[in-house]
Amino acid sequence: ANLERRTGRNCWIELNLAEGKNREVRRVLAFLGLQVSRLIRTA
């Protein structure tokens, strides 16, 4: 996971994973205290 950019308290994060469990990205980012407002699979 890499922080792409930040604007105030909003940020864009790129994540690469091989497992893909149910709602994995949302759960992991929530664990870090983040609230996902948009999620896009790009590849």
PDB file of all heavy atoms in Angstrom:
ATOM      1  N   ALA A   1       0.836  -1.206   0.000  1.00  0.00           N
ATOM      2  CA  ALA A   1       0.000   0.000   0.000  1.00  0.00           C
ATOM      3  C   ALA A   1       0.866   1.249   0.000  1.00  0.00           C
ATOM      4  O   ALA A   1       1.853   1.325   0.733  1.00  0.00           O
ATOM      5  CB  ALA A   1      -0.916   0.000   1.224  1.00  0.00           C
ATOM      6  N   ASN A   2       0.484   2.206  -0.830  1.00  0.00           N
ATOM      7  CA  ASN A   2       1.223   3.461  -0.930  1.00  0.00           C
ATOM      8  C   ASN A   2       0.280   4.646  -0.934  1.00  0.00           C
ATOM      9  O   ASN A   2      -0.738   4.633  -1.628  1.00  0.00           O
ATOM     10  CB  ASN A   2       2.060   3.491  -2.221  1.00  0.00           C
ATOM     11  CG  ASN A   2       3.175   2.484  -2.163  1.00  0.00           C
ATOM     12  OD1 ASN A   2       4.084   2.605  -1.356  1.00  0.00           O
ATOM     13  ND2 ASN A   2       3.095   1.472  -2.999  1.00  0.00           N
ATOM     14  N   LEU A   3       0.674   5.659  -0.177  1.00  0.00           N
ATOM     15  CA  LEU A   3      -0.077   6.906  -0.125  1.00  0.00           C
ATOM     16  C   LEU A   3       0.232   7.691  -1.398  1.00  0.00           C
ATOM     17  O   LEU A   3       1.371   8.063  -1.637  1.00  0.00           O
ATOM     18  CB  LEU A   3       0.347   7.694   1.122  1.00  0.00           C
ATOM     19  CG  LEU A   3      -0.424   8.950   1.462  1.00  0.00           C
ATOM     20  CD1 LEU A   3      -1.887   8.645   1.717  1.00  0.00           C
ATOM     21  CD2 LEU A   3       0.202   9.601   2.699  1.00  0.00           C
ATOM     22  N   GLU A   4      -0.786   7.887  -2.240  1.00  0.00           N
ATOM     23  CA  GLU A   4      -0.577   8.618  -3.498  1.00  0.00           C
ATOM     24  C   GLU A   4      -0.548  10.122  -3.266  1.00  0.00           C
ATOM     25  O   GLU A   4       0.355  10.808  -3.703  1.00  0.00           O
ATOM     26  CB  GLU A   4      -1.697   8.305  -4.498  1.00  0.00           C
ATOM     27  CG  GLU A   4      -1.583   6.982  -5.165  1.00  0.00           C
ATOM     28  CD  GLU A   4      -2.659   6.803  -6.222  1.00  0.00           C
ATOM     29  OE1 GLU A   4      -3.442   7.737  -6.502  1.00  0.00           O
ATOM     30  OE2 GLU A   4      -2.725   5.694  -6.778  1.00  0.00           O
ATOM     31  N   ARG A   5      -1.596  10.617  -2.606  1.00  0.00           N
ATOM     32  CA  ARG A   5      -1.656  12.053  -2.326  1.00  0.00           C
ATOM     33  C   ARG A   5      -2.659  12.305  -1.206  1.00  0.00           C
ATOM     34  O   ARG A   5      -3.507  11.483  -0.916  1.00  0.00           O
ATOM     35  CB  ARG A   5      -2.031  12.838  -3.583  1.00  0.00           C
ATOM     36  CG  ARG A   5      -3.438  12.665  -4.065  1.00  0.00           C
ATOM     37  CD  ARG A   5      -3.712  13.591  -5.267  1.00  0.00           C
ATOM     38  NE  ARG A   5      -5.093  13.534  -5.651  1.00  0.00           N
ATOM     39  CZ  ARG A   5      -5.592  12.751  -6.584  1.00  0.00           C
ATOM     40  NH1 ARG A   5      -4.812  11.922  -7.230  1.00  0.00           N
ATOM     41  NH2 ARG A   5      -6.871  12.783  -6.873  1.00  0.00           N
ATOM     42  N   ARG A   6      -2.516  13.481  -0.605  1.00  0.00           N
ATOM     43  CA  ARG A   6      -3.391  13.881   0.496  1.00  0.00           C
ATOM     44  C   ARG A   6      -3.909  15.282   0.213  1.00  0.00           C
ATOM     45  O   ARG A   6      -3.174  16.149  -0.242  1.00  0.00           O
ATOM     46  CB  ARG A   6      -2.616  13.849   1.802  1.00  0.00           C
ATOM     47  CG  ARG A   6      -3.424  14.203   3.020  1.00  0.00           C
ATOM     48  CD  ARG A   6      -2.590  14.309   4.283  1.00  0.00           C
ATOM     49  NE  ARG A   6      -1.703  13.187   4.514  1.00  0.00           N
ATOM     50  CZ  ARG A   6      -2.059  12.023   5.049  1.00  0.00           C
ATOM     51  NH1 ARG A   6      -3.305  11.825   5.395  1.00  0.00           N
ATOM     52  NH2 ARG A   6      -1.182  11.065   5.248  1.00  0.00           N
ATOM     53  N   THR A   7      -5.210  15.472   0.479  1.00  0.00           N
ATOM     54  CA  THR A   7      -5.828  16.791   0.404  1.00  0.00           C
ATOM     55  C   THR A   7      -6.609  16.966   1.702  1.00  0.00           C
ATOM     56  O   THR A   7      -7.658  16.343   1.873  1.00  0.00           O
ATOM     57  CB  THR A   7      -6.793  16.906  -0.802  1.00  0.00           C
ATOM     58  OG1 THR A   7      -6.102  16.502  -1.981  1.00  0.00           O
ATOM     59  CG2 THR A   7      -7.304  18.317  -0.967  1.00  0.00           C
ATOM     60  N   GLY A   8      -6.070  17.747   2.616  1.00  0.00           N
ATOM     61  CA  GLY A   8      -6.700  17.869   3.928  1.00  0.00           C
ATOM     62  C   GLY A   8      -6.657  16.520   4.626  1.00  0.00           C
ATOM     63  O   GLY A   8      -5.614  15.896   4.723  1.00  0.00           O
ATOM     64  N   ARG A   9      -7.831  16.041   5.071  1.00  0.00           N
ATOM     65  CA  ARG A   9      -7.886  14.730   5.736  1.00  0.00           C
ATOM     66  C   ARG A   9      -8.316  13.631   4.779  1.00  0.00           C
ATOM     67  O   ARG A   9      -8.526  12.496   5.179  1.00  0.00           O
ATOM     68  CB  ARG A   9      -8.819  14.793   6.946  1.00  0.00           C
ATOM     69  CG  ARG A   9      -8.206  15.686   8.047  1.00  0.00           C
ATOM     70  CD  ARG A   9      -8.779  15.473   9.407  1.00  0.00           C
ATOM     71  NE  ARG A   9      -8.599  14.114   9.877  1.00  0.00           N
ATOM     72  CZ  ARG A   9      -9.450  13.522  10.694  1.00  0.00           C
ATOM     73  NH1 ARG A   9     -10.521  14.145  11.120  1.00  0.00           N
ATOM     74  NH2 ARG A   9      -9.239  12.286  11.090  1.00  0.00           N
ATOM     75  N   ASN A  10      -8.466  13.974   3.495  1.00  0.00           N
ATOM     76  CA  ASN A  10      -8.751  12.955   2.480  1.00  0.00           C
ATOM     77  C   ASN A  10      -7.448  12.540   1.819  1.00  0.00           C
ATOM     78  O   ASN A  10      -6.557  13.353   1.620  1.00  0.00           O
ATOM     79  CB  ASN A  10      -9.709  13.494   1.409  1.00  0.00           C
ATOM     80  CG  ASN A  10     -11.129  13.562   1.916  1.00  0.00           C
ATOM     81  OD1 ASN A  10     -11.710  12.551   2.288  1.00  0.00           O
ATOM     82  ND2 ASN A  10     -11.694  14.761   1.937  1.00  0.00           N
ATOM     83  N   CYS A  11      -7.369  11.246   1.464  1.00  0.00           N
ATOM     84  CA  CYS A  11      -6.172  10.773   0.775  1.00  0.00           C
ATOM     85  C   CYS A  11      -6.561   9.713  -0.247  1.00  0.00           C
ATOM     86  O   CYS A  11      -7.618   9.102  -0.168  1.00  0.00           O
ATOM     87  CB  CYS A  11      -5.164  10.211   1.776  1.00  0.00           C
ATOM     88  SG  CYS A  11      -5.776   8.861   2.800  1.00  0.00           S
ATOM     89  N   TRP A  12      -5.683   9.539  -1.220  1.00  0.00           N
ATOM     90  CA  TRP A  12      -5.799   8.456  -2.188  1.00  0.00           C
ATOM     91  C   TRP A  12      -4.681   7.464  -1.888  1.00  0.00           C
ATOM     92  O   TRP A  12      -3.526   7.852  -1.711  1.00  0.00           O
ATOM     93  CB  TRP A  12      -5.661   8.971  -3.617  1.00  0.00           C
ATOM     94  CG  TRP A  12      -6.932   9.558  -4.154  1.00  0.00           C
ATOM     95  CD1 TRP A  12      -7.266  10.881  -4.195  1.00  0.00           C
ATOM     96  CD2 TRP A  12      -8.024   8.845  -4.738  1.00  0.00           C
ATOM     97  NE1 TRP A  12      -8.508  11.039  -4.771  1.00  0.00           N
ATOM     98  CE2 TRP A  12      -8.988   9.800  -5.111  1.00  0.00           C
ATOM     99  CE3 TRP A  12      -8.287   7.498  -4.980  1.00  0.00           C
ATOM    100  CZ2 TRP A  12     -10.199   9.454  -5.714  1.00  0.00           C
ATOM    101  CZ3 TRP A  12      -9.485   7.154  -5.571  1.00  0.00           C
ATOM    102  CH2 TRP A  12     -10.426   8.121  -5.932  1.00  0.00           C
ATOM    103  N   ILE A  13      -5.038   6.192  -1.829  1.00  0.00           N
ATOM    104  CA  ILE A  13      -4.097   5.128  -1.518  1.00  0.00           C
ATOM    105  C   ILE A  13      -4.179   4.075  -2.614  1.00  0.00           C
ATOM    106  O   ILE A  13      -5.274   3.685  -3.025  1.00  0.00           O
ATOM    107  CB  ILE A  13      -4.435   4.474  -0.158  1.00  0.00           C
ATOM    108  CG1 ILE A  13      -4.404   5.521   0.955  1.00  0.00           C
ATOM    109  CG2 ILE A  13      -3.501   3.310   0.146  1.00  0.00           C
ATOM    110  CD1 ILE A  13      -5.042   5.071   2.253  1.00  0.00           C
ATOM    111  N   GLU A  14      -3.005   3.625  -3.099  1.00  0.00           N
ATOM    112  CA  GLU A  14      -2.974   2.511  -4.040  1.00  0.00           C
ATOM    113  C   GLU A  14      -2.610   1.256  -3.265  1.00  0.00           C
ATOM    114  O   GLU A  14      -1.683   1.280  -2.456  1.00  0.00           O
ATOM    115  CB  GLU A  14      -1.956   2.753  -5.150  1.00  0.00           C
ATOM    116  CG  GLU A  14      -1.972   1.636  -6.183  1.00  0.00           C
ATOM    117  CD  GLU A  14      -0.979   1.844  -7.303  1.00  0.00           C
ATOM    118  OE1 GLU A  14       0.224   1.593  -7.068  1.00  0.00           O
ATOM    119  OE2 GLU A  14      -1.414   2.251  -8.386  1.00  0.00           O
ATOM    120  N   LEU A  15      -3.348   0.176  -3.527  1.00  0.00           N
ATOM    121  CA  LEU A  15      -3.124  -1.078  -2.817  1.00  0.00           C
ATOM    122  C   LEU A  15      -3.012  -2.222  -3.812  1.00  0.00           C
ATOM    123  O   LEU A  15      -3.788  -2.295  -4.768  1.00  0.00           O
ATOM    124  CB  LEU A  15      -4.288  -1.384  -1.864  1.00  0.00           C
ATOM    125  CG  LEU A  15      -4.604  -0.308  -0.828  1.00  0.00           C
ATOM    126  CD1 LEU A  15      -5.810   0.490  -1.252  1.00  0.00           C
ATOM    127  CD2 LEU A  15      -4.845  -0.937   0.521  1.00  0.00           C
ATOM    128  N   ASN A  16      -2.055  -3.108  -3.573  1.00  0.00           N
ATOM    129  CA  ASN A  16      -1.868  -4.311  -4.382  1.00  0.00           C
ATOM    130  C   ASN A  16      -1.966  -5.510  -3.453  1.00  0.00           C
ATOM    131  O   ASN A  16      -1.265  -5.570  -2.438  1.00  0.00           O
ATOM    132  CB  ASN A  16      -0.488  -4.305  -5.056  1.00  0.00           C
ATOM    133  CG  ASN A  16      -0.359  -3.179  -6.046  1.00  0.00           C
ATOM    134  OD1 ASN A  16      -1.010  -3.174  -7.080  1.00  0.00           O
ATOM    135  ND2 ASN A  16       0.476  -2.201  -5.723  1.00  0.00           N
ATOM    136  N   LEU A  17      -2.833  -6.467  -3.807  1.00  0.00           N
ATOM    137  CA  LEU A  17      -3.008  -7.651  -2.985  1.00  0.00           C
ATOM    138  C   LEU A  17      -3.335  -8.844  -3.857  1.00  0.00           C
ATOM    139  O   LEU A  17      -3.843  -8.693  -4.967  1.00  0.00           O
ATOM    140  CB  LEU A  17      -4.098  -7.441  -1.934  1.00  0.00           C
ATOM    141  CG  LEU A  17      -5.449  -6.950  -2.450  1.00  0.00           C
ATOM    142  CD1 LEU A  17      -6.532  -7.915  -2.039  1.00  0.00           C
ATOM    143  CD2 LEU A  17      -5.734  -5.583  -1.855  1.00  0.00           C
ATOM    144  N   ALA A  18      -3.037 -10.036  -3.353  1.00  0.00           N
ATOM    145  CA  ALA A  18      -3.264 -11.245  -4.134  1.00  0.00           C
ATOM    146  C   ALA A  18      -4.390 -12.101  -3.586  1.00  0.00           C
ATOM    147  O   ALA A  18      -4.826 -13.026  -4.243  1.00  0.00           O
ATOM    148  CB  ALA A  18      -1.976 -12.074  -4.205  1.00  0.00           C
ATOM    149  N   GLU A  19      -4.874 -11.771  -2.394  1.00  0.00           N
ATOM    150  CA  GLU A  19      -5.865 -12.638  -1.771  1.00  0.00           C
ATOM    151  C   GLU A  19      -7.290 -12.269  -2.179  1.00  0.00           C
ATOM    152  O   GLU A  19      -8.019 -13.105  -2.686  1.00  0.00           O
ATOM    153  CB  GLU A  19      -5.726 -12.554  -0.253  1.00  0.00           C
ATOM    154  CG  GLU A  19      -5.784 -13.889   0.394  1.00  0.00           C
ATOM    155  CD  GLU A  19      -5.409 -13.807   1.862  1.00  0.00           C
ATOM    156  OE1 GLU A  19      -5.264 -12.718   2.421  1.00  0.00           O
ATOM    157  OE2 GLU A  19      -5.258 -14.876   2.452  1.00  0.00           O
ATOM    158  N   GLY A  20      -7.699 -11.059  -1.926  1.00  0.00           N
ATOM    159  CA  GLY A  20      -9.027 -10.611  -2.319  1.00  0.00           C
ATOM    160  C   GLY A  20     -10.164 -11.176  -1.490  1.00  0.00           C
ATOM    161  O   GLY A  20     -11.208 -11.526  -2.027  1.00  0.00           O
ATOM    162  N   LYS A  21     -10.004 -11.247  -0.168  1.00  0.00           N
ATOM    163  CA  LYS A  21     -11.097 -11.706   0.689  1.00  0.00           C
ATOM    164  C   LYS A  21     -12.237 -10.686   0.663  1.00  0.00           C
ATOM    165  O   LYS A  21     -12.050  -9.523   0.315  1.00  0.00           O
ATOM    166  CB  LYS A  21     -10.605 -11.884   2.124  1.00  0.00           C
ATOM    167  CG  LYS A  21      -9.719 -13.078   2.308  1.00  0.00           C
ATOM    168  CD  LYS A  21      -9.306 -13.239   3.749  1.00  0.00           C
ATOM    169  CE  LYS A  21      -8.433 -14.466   3.893  1.00  0.00           C
ATOM    170  NZ  LYS A  21      -7.749 -14.500   5.181  1.00  0.00           N
ATOM    171  N   ASN A  22     -13.407 -11.130   1.100  1.00  0.00           N
ATOM    172  CA  ASN A  22     -14.598 -10.292   1.111  1.00  0.00           C
ATOM    173  C   ASN A  22     -14.353  -8.968   1.840  1.00  0.00           C
ATOM    174  O   ASN A  22     -13.985  -8.975   3.010  1.00  0.00           O
ATOM    175  CB  ASN A  22     -15.751 -11.068   1.761  1.00  0.00           C
ATOM    176  CG  ASN A  22     -17.067 -10.334   1.705  1.00  0.00           C
ATOM    177  OD1 ASN A  22     -17.309  -9.549   0.786  1.00  0.00           O
ATOM    178  ND2 ASN A  22     -17.916 -10.586   2.673  1.00  0.00           N
ATOM    179  N   ARG A  23     -14.536  -7.869   1.127  1.00  0.00           N
ATOM    180  CA  ARG A  23     -14.411  -6.501   1.654  1.00  0.00           C
ATOM    181  C   ARG A  23     -13.047  -6.241   2.304  1.00  0.00           C
ATOM    182  O   ARG A  23     -12.911  -5.425   3.215  1.00  0.00           O
ATOM    183  CB  ARG A  23     -15.559  -6.189   2.607  1.00  0.00           C
ATOM    184  CG  ARG A  23     -16.926  -6.301   1.922  1.00  0.00           C
ATOM    185  CD  ARG A  23     -18.094  -6.007   2.834  1.00  0.00           C
ATOM    186  NE  ARG A  23     -18.066  -4.696   3.411  1.00  0.00           N
ATOM    187  CZ  ARG A  23     -18.448  -3.563   2.816  1.00  0.00           C
ATOM    188  NH1 ARG A  23     -18.864  -3.585   1.580  1.00  0.00           N
ATOM    189  NH2 ARG A  23     -18.395  -2.411   3.436  1.00  0.00           N
ATOM    190  N   GLU A  24     -12.018  -6.908   1.827  1.00  0.00           N
ATOM    191  CA  GLU A  24     -10.685  -6.840   2.433  1.00  0.00           C
ATOM    192  C   GLU A  24     -10.129  -5.420   2.498  1.00  0.00           C
ATOM    193  O   GLU A  24      -9.667  -4.981   3.545  1.00  0.00           O
ATOM    194  CB  GLU A  24      -9.711  -7.737   1.660  1.00  0.00           C
ATOM    195  CG  GLU A  24      -8.307  -7.737   2.201  1.00  0.00           C
ATOM    196  CD  GLU A  24      -7.415  -8.780   1.566  1.00  0.00           C
ATOM    197  OE1 GLU A  24      -7.888  -9.578   0.737  1.00  0.00           O
ATOM    198  OE2 GLU A  24      -6.228  -8.808   1.919  1.00  0.00           O
ATOM    199  N   VAL A  25     -10.158  -4.699   1.392  1.00  0.00           N
ATOM    200  CA  VAL A  25      -9.575  -3.354   1.379  1.00  0.00           C
ATOM    201  C   VAL A  25     -10.301  -2.452   2.363  1.00  0.00           C
ATOM    202  O   VAL A  25      -9.672  -1.740   3.157  1.00  0.00           O
ATOM    203  CB  VAL A  25      -9.594  -2.757  -0.046  1.00  0.00           C
ATOM    204  CG1 VAL A  25      -9.187  -1.284  -0.024  1.00  0.00           C
ATOM    205  CG2 VAL A  25      -8.679  -3.546  -0.977  1.00  0.00           C
ATOM    206  N   ARG A  26     -11.612  -2.471   2.344  1.00  0.00           N
ATOM    207  CA  ARG A  26     -12.393  -1.619   3.261  1.00  0.00           C
ATOM    208  C   ARG A  26     -12.104  -1.970   4.719  1.00  0.00           C
ATOM    209  O   ARG A  26     -11.929  -1.086   5.557  1.00  0.00           O
ATOM    210  CB  ARG A  26     -13.885  -1.747   2.971  1.00  0.00           C
ATOM    211  CG  ARG A  26     -14.287  -1.154   1.631  1.00  0.00           C
ATOM    212  CD  ARG A  26     -15.789  -1.321   1.382  1.00  0.00           C
ATOM    213  NE  ARG A  26     -16.152  -0.941   0.048  1.00  0.00           N
ATOM    214  CZ  ARG A  26     -16.369   0.296  -0.376  1.00  0.00           C
ATOM    215  NH1 ARG A  26     -16.244   1.307   0.471  1.00  0.00           N
ATOM    216  NH2 ARG A  26     -16.702   0.546  -1.625  1.00  0.00           N
ATOM    217  N   ARG A  27     -12.029  -3.258   5.042  1.00  0.00           N
ATOM    218  CA  ARG A  27     -11.784  -3.678   6.426  1.00  0.00           C
ATOM    219  C   ARG A  27     -10.385  -3.310   6.905  1.00  0.00           C
ATOM    220  O   ARG A  27     -10.209  -2.861   8.036  1.00  0.00           O
ATOM    221  CB  ARG A  27     -12.021  -5.179   6.568  1.00  0.00           C
ATOM    222  CG  ARG A  27     -13.488  -5.526   6.502  1.00  0.00           C
ATOM    223  CD  ARG A  27     -13.750  -6.984   6.760  1.00  0.00           C
ATOM    224  NE  ARG A  27     -15.190  -7.200   6.829  1.00  0.00           N
ATOM    225  CZ  ARG A  27     -15.811  -8.207   6.263  1.00  0.00           C
ATOM    226  NH1 ARG A  27     -15.137  -9.133   5.626  1.00  0.00           N
ATOM    227  NH2 ARG A  27     -17.119  -8.317   6.367  1.00  0.00           N
ATOM    228  N   VAL A  28      -9.403  -3.500   6.042  1.00  0.00           N
ATOM    229  CA  VAL A  28      -8.027  -3.197   6.433  1.00  0.00           C
ATOM    230  C   VAL A  28      -7.848  -1.692   6.625  1.00  0.00           C
ATOM    231  O   VAL A  28      -7.224  -1.251   7.598  1.00  0.00           O
ATOM    232  CB  VAL A  28      -7.026  -3.768   5.400  1.00  0.00           C
ATOM    233  CG1 VAL A  28      -5.643  -3.208   5.614  1.00  0.00           C
ATOM    234  CG2 VAL A  28      -7.015  -5.292   5.475  1.00  0.00           C
ATOM    235  N   LEU A  29      -8.412  -0.891   5.732  1.00  0.00           N
ATOM    236  CA  LEU A  29      -8.283   0.560   5.888  1.00  0.00           C
ATOM    237  C   LEU A  29      -9.070   1.057   7.101  1.00  0.00           C
ATOM    238  O   LEU A  29      -8.617   1.967   7.803  1.00  0.00           O
ATOM    239  CB  LEU A  29      -8.692   1.285   4.607  1.00  0.00           C
ATOM    240  CG  LEU A  29      -7.746   1.045   3.418  1.00  0.00           C
ATOM    241  CD1 LEU A  29      -8.215   1.817   2.193  1.00  0.00           C
ATOM    242  CD2 LEU A  29      -6.301   1.394   3.756  1.00  0.00           C
ATOM    243  N   ALA A  30     -10.225   0.457   7.390  1.00  0.00           N
ATOM    244  CA  ALA A  30     -10.973   0.814   8.600  1.00  0.00           C
ATOM    245  C   ALA A  30     -10.156   0.472   9.848  1.00  0.00           C
ATOM    246  O   ALA A  30     -10.160   1.229  10.830  1.00  0.00           O
ATOM    247  CB  ALA A  30     -12.321   0.101   8.632  1.00  0.00           C
ATOM    248  N   PHE A  31      -9.428  -0.627   9.810  1.00  0.00           N
ATOM    249  CA  PHE A  31      -8.552  -1.030  10.908  1.00  0.00           C
ATOM    250  C   PHE A  31      -7.501   0.054  11.182  1.00  0.00           C
ATOM    251  O   PHE A  31      -7.101   0.274  12.316  1.00  0.00           O
ATOM    252  CB  PHE A  31      -7.884  -2.363  10.561  1.00  0.00           C
ATOM    253  CG  PHE A  31      -6.894  -2.844  11.565  1.00  0.00           C
ATOM    254  CD1 PHE A  31      -7.309  -3.404  12.768  1.00  0.00           C
ATOM    255  CD2 PHE A  31      -5.527  -2.759  11.310  1.00  0.00           C
ATOM    256  CE1 PHE A  31      -6.382  -3.864  13.694  1.00  0.00           C
ATOM    257  CE2 PHE A  31      -4.593  -3.217  12.233  1.00  0.00           C
ATOM    258  CZ  PHE A  31      -5.027  -3.767  13.425  1.00  0.00           C
ATOM    259  N   LEU A  32      -7.076   0.748  10.115  1.00  0.00           N
ATOM    260  CA  LEU A  32      -6.102   1.838  10.257  1.00  0.00           C
ATOM    261  C   LEU A  32      -6.778   3.173  10.615  1.00  0.00           C
ATOM    262  O   LEU A  32      -6.110   4.201  10.676  1.00  0.00           O
ATOM    263  CB  LEU A  32      -5.293   2.000   8.970  1.00  0.00           C
ATOM    264  CG  LEU A  32      -4.383   0.833   8.591  1.00  0.00           C
ATOM    265  CD1 LEU A  32      -3.689   1.124   7.262  1.00  0.00           C
ATOM    266  CD2 LEU A  32      -3.353   0.553   9.678  1.00  0.00           C
ATOM    267  N   GLY A  33      -8.098   3.149  10.821  1.00  0.00           N
ATOM    268  CA  GLY A  33      -8.813   4.361  11.208  1.00  0.00           C
ATOM    269  C   GLY A  33      -9.303   5.196  10.040  1.00  0.00           C
ATOM    270  O   GLY A  33      -9.654   6.365  10.216  1.00  0.00           O
ATOM    271  N   LEU A  34      -9.350   4.608   8.860  1.00  0.00           N
ATOM    272  CA  LEU A  34      -9.778   5.343   7.666  1.00  0.00           C
ATOM    273  C   LEU A  34     -11.193   4.945   7.260  1.00  0.00           C
ATOM    274  O   LEU A  34     -11.595   3.788   7.421  1.00  0.00           O
ATOM    275  CB  LEU A  34      -8.824   5.069   6.498  1.00  0.00           C
ATOM    276  CG  LEU A  34      -7.375   5.478   6.720  1.00  0.00           C
ATOM    277  CD1 LEU A  34      -6.497   4.934   5.602  1.00  0.00           C
ATOM    278  CD2 LEU A  34      -7.259   6.985   6.813  1.00  0.00           C
ATOM    279  N   GLN A  35     -11.905   5.895   6.698  1.00  0.00           N
ATOM    280  CA  GLN A  35     -13.245   5.634   6.173  1.00  0.00           C
ATOM    281  C   GLN A  35     -13.176   5.755   4.650  1.00  0.00           C
ATOM    282  O   GLN A  35     -12.913   6.837   4.119  1.00  0.00           O
ATOM    283  CB  GLN A  35     -14.247   6.635   6.741  1.00  0.00           C
ATOM    284  CG  GLN A  35     -15.651   6.408   6.247  1.00  0.00           C
ATOM    285  CD  GLN A  35     -16.621   7.428   6.811  1.00  0.00           C
ATOM    286  OE1 GLN A  35     -16.257   8.306   7.586  1.00  0.00           O
ATOM    287  NE2 GLN A  35     -17.862   7.322   6.392  1.00  0.00           N
ATOM    288  N   VAL A  36     -13.388   4.644   3.953  1.00  0.00           N
ATOM    289  CA  VAL A  36     -13.303   4.628   2.491  1.00  0.00           C
ATOM    290  C   VAL A  36     -14.563   5.258   1.894  1.00  0.00           C
ATOM    291  O   VAL A  36     -15.674   4.851   2.202  1.00  0.00           O
ATOM    292  CB  VAL A  36     -13.124   3.186   1.966  1.00  0.00           C
ATOM    293  CG1 VAL A  36     -13.159   3.144   0.443  1.00  0.00           C
ATOM    294  CG2 VAL A  36     -11.818   2.597   2.485  1.00  0.00           C
ATOM    295  N   SER A  37     -14.359   6.267   1.038  1.00  0.00           N
ATOM    296  CA  SER A  37     -15.496   6.903   0.370  1.00  0.00           C
ATOM    297  C   SER A  37     -15.602   6.500  -1.102  1.00  0.00           C
ATOM    298  O   SER A  37     -16.650   6.665  -1.715  1.00  0.00           O
ATOM    299  CB  SER A  37     -15.401   8.426   0.485  1.00  0.00           C
ATOM    300  OG  SER A  37     -14.194   8.898  -0.077  1.00  0.00           O
ATOM    301  N   ARG A  38     -14.522   5.963  -1.652  1.00  0.00           N
ATOM    302  CA  ARG A  38     -14.557   5.486  -3.036  1.00  0.00           C
ATOM    303  C   ARG A  38     -13.497   4.402  -3.176  1.00  0.00           C
ATOM    304  O   ARG A  38     -12.376   4.561  -2.691  1.00  0.00           O
ATOM    305  CB  ARG A  38     -14.271   6.630  -4.004  1.00  0.00           C
ATOM    306  CG  ARG A  38     -14.484   6.254  -5.457  1.00  0.00           C
ATOM    307  CD  ARG A  38     -14.394   7.465  -6.359  1.00  0.00           C
ATOM    308  NE  ARG A  38     -14.624   7.070  -7.737  1.00  0.00           N
ATOM    309  CZ  ARG A  38     -14.291   7.818  -8.776  1.00  0.00           C
ATOM    310  NH1 ARG A  38     -13.721   9.004  -8.598  1.00  0.00           N
ATOM    311  NH2 ARG A  38     -14.524   7.388  -9.997  1.00  0.00           N
ATOM    312  N   LEU A  39     -13.865   3.301  -3.833  1.00  0.00           N
ATOM    313  CA  LEU A  39     -12.932   2.202  -4.039  1.00  0.00           C
ATOM    314  C   LEU A  39     -13.048   1.726  -5.484  1.00  0.00           C
ATOM    315  O   LEU A  39     -14.145   1.420  -5.950  1.00  0.00           O
ATOM    316  CB  LEU A  39     -13.232   1.051  -3.073  1.00  0.00           C
ATOM    317  CG  LEU A  39     -12.284  -0.153  -3.110  1.00  0.00           C
ATOM    318  CD1 LEU A  39     -10.834   0.261  -2.863  1.00  0.00           C
ATOM    319  CD2 LEU A  39     -12.715  -1.199  -2.094  1.00  0.00           C
ATOM    320  N   ILE A  40     -11.905   1.688  -6.160  1.00  0.00           N
ATOM    321  CA  ILE A  40     -11.862   1.341  -7.578  1.00  0.00           C
ATOM    322  C   ILE A  40     -10.832   0.240  -7.790  1.00  0.00           C
ATOM    323  O   ILE A  40      -9.666   0.408  -7.414  1.00  0.00           O
ATOM    324  CB  ILE A  40     -11.444   2.560  -8.440  1.00  0.00           C
ATOM    325  CG1 ILE A  40     -12.292   3.778  -8.128  1.00  0.00           C
ATOM    326  CG2 ILE A  40     -11.480   2.216  -9.932  1.00  0.00           C
ATOM    327  CD1 ILE A  40     -11.682   5.085  -8.627  1.00  0.00           C
ATOM    328  N   ARG A  41     -11.248  -0.880  -8.396  1.00  0.00           N
ATOM    329  CA  ARG A  41     -10.245  -1.877  -8.795  1.00  0.00           C
ATOM    330  C   ARG A  41      -9.730  -1.441 -10.163  1.00  0.00           C
ATOM    331  O   ARG A  41     -10.496  -1.298 -11.104  1.00  0.00           O
ATOM    332  CB  ARG A  41     -10.814  -3.292  -8.867  1.00  0.00           C
ATOM    333  CG  ARG A  41      -9.709  -4.265  -9.290  1.00  0.00           C
ATOM    334  CD  ARG A  41      -9.953  -5.712  -8.940  1.00  0.00           C
ATOM    335  NE  ARG A  41     -11.169  -6.230  -9.500  1.00  0.00           N
ATOM    336  CZ  ARG A  41     -11.765  -7.340  -9.065  1.00  0.00           C
ATOM    337  NH1 ARG A  41     -11.280  -8.007  -8.049  1.00  0.00           N
ATOM    338  NH2 ARG A  41     -12.854  -7.773  -9.638  1.00  0.00           N
ATOM    339  N   THR A  42      -8.433  -1.223 -10.255  1.00  0.00           N
ATOM    340  CA  THR A  42      -7.841  -0.688 -11.476  1.00  0.00           C
ATOM    341  C   THR A  42      -7.141  -1.747 -12.321  1.00  0.00           C
ATOM    342  O   THR A  42      -6.897  -1.508 -13.512  1.00  0.00           O
ATOM    343  CB  THR A  42      -6.844   0.441 -11.161  1.00  0.00           C
ATOM    344  OG1 THR A  42      -5.819  -0.073 -10.304  1.00  0.00           O
ATOM    345  CG2 THR A  42      -7.542   1.614 -10.490  1.00  0.00           C
ATOM    346  N   ALA A  43      -6.814  -2.902 -11.726  1.00  0.00           N
ATOM    347  CA  ALA A  43      -6.143  -3.946 -12.498  1.00  0.00           C
ATOM    348  C   ALA A  43      -6.348  -5.303 -11.846  1.00  0.00           C
ATOM    349  O   ALA A  43      -6.537  -5.413 -10.632  1.00  0.00           O
ATOM    350  CB  ALA A  43      -4.653  -3.655 -12.625  1.00  0.00           C
TER     351      ALA A  43
END
